[in-house]
Amino acid sequence: MPLLLIIFTVYLEPCLLEYEAVKEGKAFFWRMDKVRAESFIPEMDISFCGFGLYDSNRKGNGVFELMIRQGFPIHPFVKGEVDIGAFQEVGDGQGILPYWDPLLEPKYIICNFETEPVVSHTNFDVRTEKAYLLFDIGTLSIGTGRNRLKVGPGYRSNLLLSGRGQPLNFLYNARVKKGPLHLFAFNAGIEDSIDGKRISCQRIELYLSCVTIGITEAVLHKKENFLKYVNPVEFYYITQRRGKDNEDNLVASSDITFTKNGKKYYLELLLDDPIIFHKERPFKGGMMLGMYLTDPFGMPSSDFRIEATALPRWTYTHDYSDQINALTANGLPLGFFGGSDCIDIYTEFTKYWTRDTVYSLLPTPYSPLPTSYFSLILEYLAHGDGKLNIGWQDEKENYPQPRKIKIPSGCKEERLRVGIKGTLAKEKFSITTGVYVERIKNYMNRDGNNFTRVSIKTATLFTLP
């Protein structure tokens, strides 16, 4: 009788344990446990994740999810991947998390479309993180299915599509490369509480010796005839103006990147519903400026990055609060993670030491562990009281001169975060520890709601053959 050998490699992934102490005397334990097992089946792994707030009043509330990931090496030119999970909310579930907290990791924000509990008194749902089929021959790639997408040169603050929003349901996602010229286009549905919401996008990139230039045009729409913007050749602006109306929300961005001698400088400009010369209407746009340096300050094996982002009020929103054509999914931005009416400055310095490798009996020859490093993080974020579900026409009486308001506007929430993080990586084990001090003023845009909190995050990763 043949012997069936089953091998599992178990990882405990980052951000497993977080303790927050608030200066006012309130304290709670935010626990996130995630276990991932890579099985003997090629390209497949299973993970379990649970997180919630555990204090004396809300103990037992949280979200628990089981996710299965399977890759399909169909052909040298055709590949696919499916990530599907089932989750349930216990107690108040995600109601325990603040409605607006842009520094929360978006990947832990799960949307439940069930109006009534499915199982007992808990909210249960099944979600598909990724179900994607891709044909790729190098110069040409065409994909279809559900996936996340990032557009632009940014590290974490891309303005049009940041990749930190919810996955999109692609009718098609195509890229053509011809020498220094790359053409990219997609048509996708947005899973939202509003039925039939879609986004179409086309982008051209020019790669020169040290300079990369990108121009992107996108349109948000909700039409019975969703084929209106399927054609990836004609400009969306022209397509819209030839129709009977122009209610669809056009979005455009341009970016430029300069790279040389281990240094990278980049700029992205966004125009949402581009109306430039009408002074009685708000300017809906944004800017992101970034820099990345390797071996800065004469220190080898290190890097330094900084990104500064500014977006005025009503960017990503439509004129009215119906949200049909807003660049959001379930109230969360698809663009910059902080949303509109926001300024963010993020800096990070990292010093690296070693990179170790984990060898196992899995079909892949090895799995890399994190590099040993030490990081210093400093971030300032200010967010006004503008909301993504409120358009300018709904606030017109309060802001008769919308181009003269400040960024951010109204009662602004300000955050200053300082962090120290380090990872020690060995052959089959690594540990990451970080300490963050955050001063928050006018939290949730409530005047005088100030506090300081300290977060200690510890994560371990190890291999058990």
Protein backbone atom coordinates (compact mmCIF):
# COMPACT_ATOMS: atom_id res chain seq x y z
CA MET A 1 0.00 0.00 0.00
CA PRO A 2 1.60 3.31 -1.03
CA LEU A 3 2.43 5.76 1.69
CA LEU A 4 0.78 9.16 1.28
CA LEU A 5 3.00 11.87 2.69
CA ILE A 6 1.23 15.09 3.65
CA ILE A 7 3.37 18.07 4.57
CA PHE A 8 2.12 21.29 6.09
CA THR A 9 4.13 24.43 6.65
CA VAL A 10 2.54 26.74 9.21
CA TYR A 11 3.20 30.47 9.43
CA LEU A 12 2.06 33.03 11.93
CA GLU A 13 1.89 36.19 9.86
CA PRO A 14 2.59 39.84 10.81
CA CYS A 15 0.27 42.04 12.87
CA LEU A 16 -0.90 39.20 15.09
CA LEU A 17 -0.84 40.93 18.42
CA GLU A 18 -1.51 44.55 19.20
CA TYR A 19 -1.98 46.26 22.54
CA GLU A 20 -3.17 49.84 22.76
CA ALA A 21 -3.10 51.95 25.91
CA VAL A 22 -4.85 55.32 25.87
CA LYS A 23 -3.61 58.18 28.01
CA GLU A 24 -7.08 58.95 29.40
CA GLY A 25 -7.00 55.66 31.27
CA LYS A 26 -9.09 53.63 28.86
CA ALA A 27 -7.36 50.54 27.56
CA PHE A 28 -8.36 47.74 25.26
CA PHE A 29 -6.79 44.73 23.65
CA TRP A 30 -7.13 44.47 19.87
CA ARG A 31 -6.30 40.92 18.99
CA MET A 32 -5.65 39.65 15.47
CA ASP A 33 -4.77 35.98 15.06
CA LYS A 34 -3.93 34.61 11.64
CA VAL A 35 -2.63 31.15 10.80
CA ARG A 36 -1.73 30.12 7.27
CA ALA A 37 -1.04 26.52 6.22
CA GLU A 38 0.57 25.65 2.89
CA SER A 39 -0.54 22.16 1.96
CA PHE A 40 0.96 19.49 -0.25
CA ILE A 41 -1.43 20.64 -3.01
CA PRO A 42 0.59 23.00 -5.25
CA GLU A 43 -0.22 26.71 -5.05
CA MET A 44 -2.89 26.21 -2.35
CA ASP A 45 -3.02 27.46 1.21
CA ILE A 46 -5.63 27.90 3.92
CA SER A 47 -5.73 30.69 6.47
CA PHE A 48 -7.83 31.59 9.49
CA CYS A 49 -8.17 35.13 10.75
CA GLY A 50 -10.00 36.55 13.74
CA PHE A 51 -9.94 40.09 15.07
CA GLY A 52 -11.93 42.26 17.42
CA LEU A 53 -11.87 44.51 20.44
CA TYR A 54 -11.68 42.71 23.75
CA ASP A 55 -12.45 44.89 26.72
CA SER A 56 -14.80 44.41 29.68
CA ASN A 57 -17.80 45.86 27.83
CA ARG A 58 -17.34 44.39 24.35
CA LYS A 59 -15.69 41.04 24.95
CA GLY A 60 -16.61 38.50 22.31
CA ASN A 61 -17.30 40.98 19.53
CA GLY A 62 -15.30 40.53 16.38
CA VAL A 63 -14.94 39.07 12.91
CA PHE A 64 -13.76 35.55 12.12
CA GLU A 65 -12.86 34.36 8.64
CA LEU A 66 -11.64 31.19 6.94
CA MET A 67 -9.94 31.81 3.58
CA ILE A 68 -8.83 29.26 0.97
CA ARG A 69 -6.37 30.28 -1.76
CA GLN A 70 -5.80 28.14 -4.81
CA GLY A 71 -3.59 28.81 -7.82
CA PHE A 72 -4.13 27.18 -11.20
CA PRO A 73 -1.06 26.76 -13.47
CA ILE A 74 -3.22 25.93 -16.49
CA HIS A 75 -0.69 26.59 -19.27
CA PRO A 76 2.66 28.42 -19.64
CA PHE A 77 0.69 31.41 -20.95
CA VAL A 78 -2.52 30.98 -18.92
CA LYS A 79 -2.81 31.06 -15.15
CA GLY A 80 -5.54 31.60 -12.61
CA GLU A 81 -6.06 32.13 -8.92
CA VAL A 82 -9.04 31.91 -6.56
CA ASP A 83 -9.17 33.32 -3.03
CA ILE A 84 -12.54 32.64 -1.38
CA GLY A 85 -13.51 32.84 2.26
CA ALA A 86 -16.43 32.63 4.66
CA PHE A 87 -16.71 35.06 7.55
CA GLN A 88 -19.09 35.82 10.36
CA GLU A 89 -19.48 38.81 12.65
CA VAL A 90 -20.00 38.06 16.32
CA GLY A 91 -21.75 40.53 18.59
CA ASP A 92 -21.48 44.00 17.11
CA GLY A 93 -18.90 42.71 14.63
CA GLN A 94 -17.30 45.58 12.78
CA GLY A 95 -19.65 48.01 14.44
CA ILE A 96 -17.02 48.17 17.16
CA LEU A 97 -14.56 49.79 14.76
CA PRO A 98 -14.73 53.56 14.08
CA TYR A 99 -16.66 54.61 10.98
CA TRP A 100 -13.77 56.80 9.89
CA ASP A 101 -10.26 55.67 10.66
CA PRO A 102 -8.05 56.00 7.56
CA LEU A 103 -5.09 54.40 9.31
CA LEU A 104 -6.93 51.10 9.68
CA GLU A 105 -5.66 48.50 7.26
CA PRO A 106 -8.35 48.42 4.54
CA LYS A 107 -7.84 44.70 3.93
CA TYR A 108 -9.48 44.00 7.29
CA ILE A 109 -12.64 45.93 6.36
CA ILE A 110 -15.14 43.29 5.28
CA CYS A 111 -18.54 44.23 3.85
CA ASN A 112 -21.57 42.08 4.59
CA PHE A 113 -24.37 42.36 2.03
CA GLU A 114 -26.81 40.20 4.01
CA THR A 115 -29.70 42.29 5.34
CA GLU A 116 -30.65 39.65 7.90
CA PRO A 117 -28.51 37.18 9.90
CA VAL A 118 -28.06 33.90 8.02
CA VAL A 119 -26.79 31.69 10.80
CA SER A 120 -28.42 32.00 14.22
CA HIS A 121 -27.84 35.51 15.58
CA THR A 122 -24.60 36.14 13.72
CA ASN A 123 -23.96 37.89 10.42
CA PHE A 124 -22.53 35.36 7.98
CA ASP A 125 -21.38 35.85 4.41
CA VAL A 126 -19.04 34.45 1.78
CA ARG A 127 -16.65 36.77 -0.04
CA THR A 128 -14.31 36.33 -2.96
CA GLU A 129 -11.09 38.25 -2.59
CA LYS A 130 -9.73 37.08 -5.93
CA ALA A 131 -11.02 34.90 -8.77
CA TYR A 132 -8.84 35.77 -11.71
CA LEU A 133 -7.86 34.24 -15.05
CA LEU A 134 -4.92 35.76 -16.97
CA PHE A 135 -3.52 35.16 -20.46
CA ASP A 136 0.03 36.57 -20.61
CA ILE A 137 2.65 36.28 -23.35
CA GLY A 138 4.83 39.16 -22.16
CA THR A 139 3.99 41.84 -24.73
CA LEU A 140 0.25 41.20 -24.39
CA SER A 141 -1.83 40.25 -21.36
CA ILE A 142 -5.60 39.97 -21.01
CA GLY A 143 -7.32 39.11 -17.76
CA THR A 144 -10.86 38.73 -16.48
CA GLY A 145 -12.36 38.17 -13.06
CA ARG A 146 -12.06 39.72 -9.61
CA ASN A 147 -8.83 41.31 -8.41
CA ARG A 148 -7.26 44.37 -6.77
CA LEU A 149 -5.50 46.99 -8.83
CA LYS A 150 -3.07 49.84 -8.20
CA VAL A 151 -2.48 52.63 -10.73
CA GLY A 152 0.36 55.12 -10.37
CA PRO A 153 3.90 55.41 -9.02
CA GLY A 154 3.15 55.78 -5.29
CA TYR A 155 4.28 53.53 -2.45
CA ARG A 156 1.03 53.81 -0.45
CA SER A 157 -0.71 57.02 -1.58
CA ASN A 158 -1.75 56.56 -5.22
CA LEU A 159 -4.61 58.92 -6.04
CA LEU A 160 -6.69 57.28 -8.78
CA LEU A 161 -6.59 53.64 -7.66
CA SER A 162 -4.48 52.95 -4.59
CA GLY A 163 -4.86 49.17 -4.53
CA ARG A 164 -6.00 49.47 -0.91
CA GLY A 165 -9.69 49.68 -1.76
CA GLN A 166 -12.00 46.77 -2.44
CA PRO A 167 -11.43 44.35 -5.34
CA LEU A 168 -13.02 45.14 -8.71
CA ASN A 169 -14.97 42.75 -10.95
CA PHE A 170 -13.21 43.01 -14.32
CA LEU A 171 -15.01 42.44 -17.58
CA TYR A 172 -11.53 42.73 -19.06
CA ASN A 173 -8.13 43.98 -17.93
CA ALA A 174 -5.66 44.30 -20.80
CA ARG A 175 -2.09 45.54 -21.28
CA VAL A 176 -0.04 45.90 -24.48
CA LYS A 177 3.72 46.61 -24.48
CA LYS A 178 5.50 47.93 -27.55
CA GLY A 179 9.03 49.05 -26.81
CA PRO A 180 8.94 52.05 -24.44
CA LEU A 181 5.16 52.43 -24.88
CA HIS A 182 2.71 50.57 -22.62
CA LEU A 183 -1.08 50.74 -23.10
CA PHE A 184 -3.45 49.63 -20.39
CA ALA A 185 -7.27 49.51 -20.22
CA PHE A 186 -9.99 47.87 -18.15
CA ASN A 187 -13.75 47.84 -17.60
CA ALA A 188 -14.95 46.69 -14.19
CA GLY A 189 -17.90 46.60 -11.86
CA ILE A 190 -17.71 47.98 -8.32
CA GLU A 191 -19.27 45.84 -5.61
CA ASP A 192 -21.27 48.48 -3.79
CA SER A 193 -24.58 48.97 -2.05
CA ILE A 194 -25.54 50.84 -5.26
CA ASP A 195 -26.45 48.37 -7.98
CA GLY A 196 -24.70 48.48 -11.34
CA LYS A 197 -21.89 50.88 -10.40
CA ARG A 198 -18.93 50.60 -12.80
CA ILE A 199 -15.53 52.09 -13.59
CA SER A 200 -13.70 52.13 -16.91
CA CYS A 201 -10.08 53.21 -17.30
CA GLN A 202 -7.40 53.58 -19.95
CA ARG A 203 -3.77 54.52 -19.39
CA ILE A 204 -0.69 55.17 -21.49
CA GLU A 205 2.85 54.91 -20.09
CA LEU A 206 6.04 56.06 -21.81
CA TYR A 207 9.32 54.61 -20.50
CA LEU A 208 12.41 56.64 -21.39
CA SER A 209 15.96 56.21 -20.08
CA CYS A 210 15.40 57.84 -16.68
CA VAL A 211 11.86 59.18 -16.97
CA THR A 212 8.46 57.46 -16.95
CA ILE A 213 5.34 59.43 -17.91
CA GLY A 214 1.82 58.17 -17.31
CA ILE A 215 -1.55 59.60 -18.35
CA THR A 216 -4.79 58.02 -17.15
CA GLU A 217 -8.43 58.63 -17.97
CA ALA A 218 -11.24 56.95 -16.06
CA VAL A 219 -15.00 57.30 -15.80
CA LEU A 220 -17.47 56.23 -13.10
CA HIS A 221 -20.95 55.48 -14.29
CA LYS A 222 -24.15 53.60 -13.66
CA LYS A 223 -25.97 52.91 -16.90
CA GLU A 224 -28.37 50.26 -18.03
CA ASN A 225 -26.23 50.01 -21.14
CA PHE A 226 -22.92 49.30 -19.44
CA LEU A 227 -21.24 48.75 -22.83
CA LYS A 228 -21.05 52.52 -23.33
CA TYR A 229 -17.42 52.66 -22.17
CA VAL A 230 -16.26 49.18 -23.15
CA ASN A 231 -14.37 50.44 -26.21
CA PRO A 232 -10.77 50.94 -24.98
CA VAL A 233 -9.71 52.97 -28.03
CA GLU A 234 -11.96 56.04 -28.00
CA PHE A 235 -11.47 58.70 -25.30
CA TYR A 236 -14.08 58.58 -22.56
CA TYR A 237 -14.40 62.36 -22.62
CA ILE A 238 -15.49 62.22 -26.26
CA THR A 239 -17.79 59.26 -25.64
CA GLN A 240 -19.50 61.09 -22.80
CA ARG A 241 -20.02 64.36 -24.67
CA ARG A 242 -21.58 62.53 -27.61
CA GLY A 243 -24.27 61.07 -25.35
CA LYS A 244 -27.56 62.60 -24.29
CA ASP A 245 -26.14 63.60 -20.92
CA ASN A 246 -22.83 64.08 -19.18
CA GLU A 247 -23.75 62.90 -15.69
CA ASP A 248 -20.99 60.29 -15.62
CA ASN A 249 -18.04 61.30 -13.47
CA LEU A 250 -14.81 61.70 -15.44
CA VAL A 251 -11.52 61.34 -13.57
CA ALA A 252 -8.08 62.02 -15.03
CA SER A 253 -4.55 61.79 -13.65
CA SER A 254 -1.01 62.31 -14.87
CA ASP A 255 2.22 61.22 -13.25
CA ILE A 256 5.93 61.48 -13.89
CA THR A 257 8.77 59.48 -12.33
CA PHE A 258 12.50 60.21 -12.50
CA THR A 259 14.85 57.36 -11.52
CA LYS A 260 18.65 57.46 -11.47
CA ASN A 261 21.53 56.20 -9.29
CA GLY A 262 19.27 54.58 -6.69
CA LYS A 263 17.06 57.65 -6.38
CA LYS A 264 13.42 57.92 -7.38
CA TYR A 265 11.30 61.07 -7.52
CA TYR A 266 7.66 61.03 -8.58
CA LEU A 267 4.63 63.29 -8.85
CA GLU A 268 0.96 62.45 -9.46
CA LEU A 269 -1.80 64.97 -10.21
CA LEU A 270 -5.50 64.06 -10.11
CA LEU A 271 -8.52 65.82 -11.58
CA ASP A 272 -11.89 64.49 -10.49
CA ASP A 273 -14.75 65.82 -12.65
CA PRO A 274 -12.22 68.18 -14.29
CA ILE A 275 -13.73 71.66 -14.17
CA ILE A 276 -10.86 74.15 -13.90
CA PHE A 277 -12.06 77.63 -14.79
CA HIS A 278 -15.52 77.77 -13.12
CA LYS A 279 -14.67 79.64 -9.94
CA GLU A 280 -18.15 79.20 -8.50
CA ARG A 281 -17.65 75.42 -8.43
CA PRO A 282 -15.18 73.51 -6.24
CA PHE A 283 -11.80 72.38 -7.55
CA LYS A 284 -11.92 68.60 -7.22
CA GLY A 285 -8.41 67.27 -7.59
CA GLY A 286 -5.32 66.29 -5.67
CA MET A 287 -1.55 65.96 -5.65
CA MET A 288 0.93 63.39 -4.39
CA LEU A 289 4.70 64.01 -4.32
CA GLY A 290 7.15 61.27 -3.37
CA MET A 291 10.84 60.46 -3.08
CA TYR A 292 12.70 57.19 -2.52
CA LEU A 293 16.46 57.01 -1.84
CA THR A 294 18.72 53.98 -1.49
CA ASP A 295 21.76 54.18 0.78
CA PRO A 296 20.94 57.73 1.89
CA PHE A 297 23.15 59.81 4.20
CA GLY A 298 26.12 57.62 3.27
CA MET A 299 24.64 54.57 5.05
CA PRO A 300 24.90 51.33 3.03
CA SER A 301 22.02 48.80 2.95
CA SER A 302 19.39 51.36 3.88
CA ASP A 303 16.60 53.34 2.26
CA PHE A 304 14.52 56.42 2.93
CA ARG A 305 11.12 57.34 1.52
CA ILE A 306 8.72 60.25 1.92
CA GLU A 307 5.28 60.88 0.40
CA ALA A 308 3.15 64.01 0.76
CA THR A 309 -0.50 64.02 -0.32
CA ALA A 310 -3.17 66.73 -0.41
CA LEU A 311 -6.79 66.44 -1.60
CA PRO A 312 -9.45 69.17 -1.16
CA ARG A 313 -13.02 68.66 -0.06
CA TRP A 314 -15.45 66.93 -2.50
CA THR A 315 -12.72 65.10 -4.39
CA TYR A 316 -13.92 61.51 -5.04
CA THR A 317 -17.54 62.63 -4.50
CA HIS A 318 -20.16 63.44 -7.09
CA ASP A 319 -22.20 66.65 -7.06
CA TYR A 320 -24.96 65.03 -5.02
CA SER A 321 -24.97 62.53 -2.19
CA ASP A 322 -26.45 59.66 -4.23
CA GLN A 323 -22.90 58.23 -4.53
CA ILE A 324 -23.68 56.67 -7.91
CA ASN A 325 -20.61 58.24 -9.52
CA ALA A 326 -18.36 58.70 -6.50
CA LEU A 327 -14.92 57.05 -6.53
CA THR A 328 -15.82 54.87 -3.54
CA ALA A 329 -16.92 51.34 -2.73
CA ASN A 330 -19.25 50.97 0.24
CA GLY A 331 -18.28 54.41 1.48
CA LEU A 332 -14.53 53.72 1.39
CA PRO A 333 -12.20 55.42 -1.12
CA LEU A 334 -10.86 53.50 -4.09
CA GLY A 335 -8.22 56.20 -4.49
CA PHE A 336 -6.08 57.68 -1.71
CA PHE A 337 -6.74 55.70 1.48
CA GLY A 338 -7.33 58.86 3.55
CA GLY A 339 -10.11 60.05 1.25
CA SER A 340 -10.74 63.70 0.43
CA ASP A 341 -10.40 66.82 2.61
CA CYS A 342 -7.08 65.42 3.76
CA ILE A 343 -3.34 66.09 4.02
CA ASP A 344 -0.89 63.29 4.76
CA ILE A 345 2.92 63.26 5.08
CA TYR A 346 4.59 59.88 5.54
CA THR A 347 8.32 59.26 6.11
CA GLU A 348 10.18 56.02 6.72
CA PHE A 349 13.87 55.21 7.17
CA THR A 350 14.97 51.55 7.11
CA LYS A 351 18.33 49.93 7.77
CA TYR A 352 18.75 46.31 6.52
CA TRP A 353 21.12 43.62 7.75
CA THR A 354 20.51 40.07 6.49
CA ARG A 355 18.11 38.08 4.36
CA ASP A 356 17.66 34.46 5.39
CA THR A 357 15.84 31.70 3.54
CA VAL A 358 13.55 28.95 4.78
CA TYR A 359 14.08 25.61 3.06
CA SER A 360 11.21 23.13 3.14
CA LEU A 361 9.85 20.03 1.41
CA LEU A 362 7.14 21.99 -0.36
CA PRO A 363 6.90 21.96 -4.18
CA THR A 364 8.55 25.39 -4.24
CA PRO A 365 12.28 25.12 -3.38
CA TYR A 366 12.23 27.77 -0.68
CA SER A 367 10.17 30.46 1.01
CA PRO A 368 11.89 33.72 1.99
CA LEU A 369 11.69 35.08 5.49
CA PRO A 370 11.63 38.83 6.09
CA THR A 371 14.94 40.64 5.99
CA SER A 372 16.39 41.70 9.33
CA TYR A 373 15.88 45.45 9.52
CA PHE A 374 15.22 48.43 11.74
CA SER A 375 12.76 51.20 10.74
CA LEU A 376 11.87 54.68 11.96
CA ILE A 377 8.42 55.97 10.92
CA LEU A 378 6.97 59.47 11.21
CA GLU A 379 3.53 60.38 9.84
CA TYR A 380 1.30 63.44 10.02
CA LEU A 381 -2.32 63.20 8.87
CA ALA A 382 -5.00 65.91 9.00
CA HIS A 383 -8.54 65.18 7.89
CA GLY A 384 -11.42 67.68 7.69
CA ASP A 385 -15.05 67.01 8.37
CA GLY A 386 -15.88 66.43 4.69
CA LYS A 387 -17.52 63.09 3.97
CA LEU A 388 -17.34 60.91 0.90
CA ASN A 389 -21.12 60.49 0.85
CA ILE A 390 -21.90 64.23 0.69
CA GLY A 391 -21.59 66.19 -2.57
CA TRP A 392 -21.01 69.91 -2.97
CA GLN A 393 -24.59 70.63 -4.05
CA ASP A 394 -25.73 69.36 -0.64
CA GLU A 395 -23.36 71.77 1.16
CA LYS A 396 -23.62 74.67 -1.25
CA GLU A 397 -25.29 77.01 1.24
CA ASN A 398 -22.52 76.47 3.80
CA TYR A 399 -19.71 76.87 1.24
CA PRO A 400 -20.81 79.51 -1.31
CA GLN A 401 -17.13 80.07 -2.27
CA PRO A 402 -15.84 76.51 -2.38
CA ARG A 403 -12.44 77.37 -3.86
CA LYS A 404 -11.48 79.50 -0.88
CA ILE A 405 -11.85 76.86 1.82
CA LYS A 406 -8.74 75.39 3.44
CA ILE A 407 -7.37 71.88 3.20
CA PRO A 408 -8.50 70.31 5.44
CA SER A 409 -11.74 72.19 6.13
CA GLY A 410 -14.12 72.50 9.06
CA CYS A 411 -13.22 70.83 12.34
CA LYS A 412 -10.08 68.95 11.37
CA GLU A 413 -8.80 65.79 12.98
CA GLU A 414 -4.99 65.76 13.30
CA ARG A 415 -2.75 62.80 13.95
CA LEU A 416 0.98 62.66 14.60
CA ARG A 417 2.40 59.14 14.70
CA VAL A 418 5.96 58.12 15.59
CA GLY A 419 7.02 54.51 15.29
CA ILE A 420 10.04 52.26 15.80
CA LYS A 421 9.92 48.82 14.21
CA GLY A 422 12.45 46.03 13.88
CA THR A 423 12.66 42.47 12.57
CA LEU A 424 15.13 39.76 13.51
CA ALA A 425 15.13 36.99 10.88
CA LYS A 426 16.76 33.59 11.32
CA GLU A 427 16.71 30.45 9.17
CA LYS A 428 13.29 29.20 10.30
CA PHE A 429 12.07 31.93 12.58
CA SER A 430 11.59 35.69 12.65
CA ILE A 431 10.11 38.13 15.12
CA THR A 432 8.93 41.67 14.43
CA THR A 433 8.24 44.23 17.15
CA GLY A 434 7.07 47.78 16.78
CA VAL A 435 6.19 50.58 19.20
CA TYR A 436 4.03 53.48 17.98
CA VAL A 437 3.01 56.64 19.80
CA GLU A 438 0.10 58.53 18.27
CA ARG A 439 -1.28 61.89 19.31
CA ILE A 440 -4.82 62.47 17.99
CA LYS A 441 -6.57 65.83 18.16
CA ASN A 442 -10.31 66.26 17.47
CA TYR A 443 -10.80 62.55 16.86
CA MET A 444 -13.78 61.81 14.56
CA ASN A 445 -13.86 65.60 13.87
CA ARG A 446 -15.23 66.33 17.35
CA ASP A 447 -13.70 69.46 18.85
CA GLY A 448 -11.77 68.74 22.06
CA ASN A 449 -11.83 64.96 21.62
CA ASN A 450 -8.07 64.59 22.15
CA PHE A 451 -5.99 61.69 23.39
CA THR A 452 -2.64 59.94 23.07
CA ARG A 453 -2.29 56.22 22.52
CA VAL A 454 0.63 53.82 22.48
CA SER A 455 0.55 50.70 20.32
CA ILE A 456 2.86 47.73 20.73
CA LYS A 457 2.77 45.28 17.83
CA THR A 458 4.51 41.92 17.90
CA ALA A 459 4.49 39.33 15.14
CA THR A 460 6.19 35.96 14.81
CA LEU A 461 6.71 33.82 11.73
CA PHE A 462 8.09 30.31 11.85
CA THR A 463 8.15 27.09 9.81
CA LEU A 464 7.22 23.65 11.11
CA PRO A 465 7.89 20.94 8.48
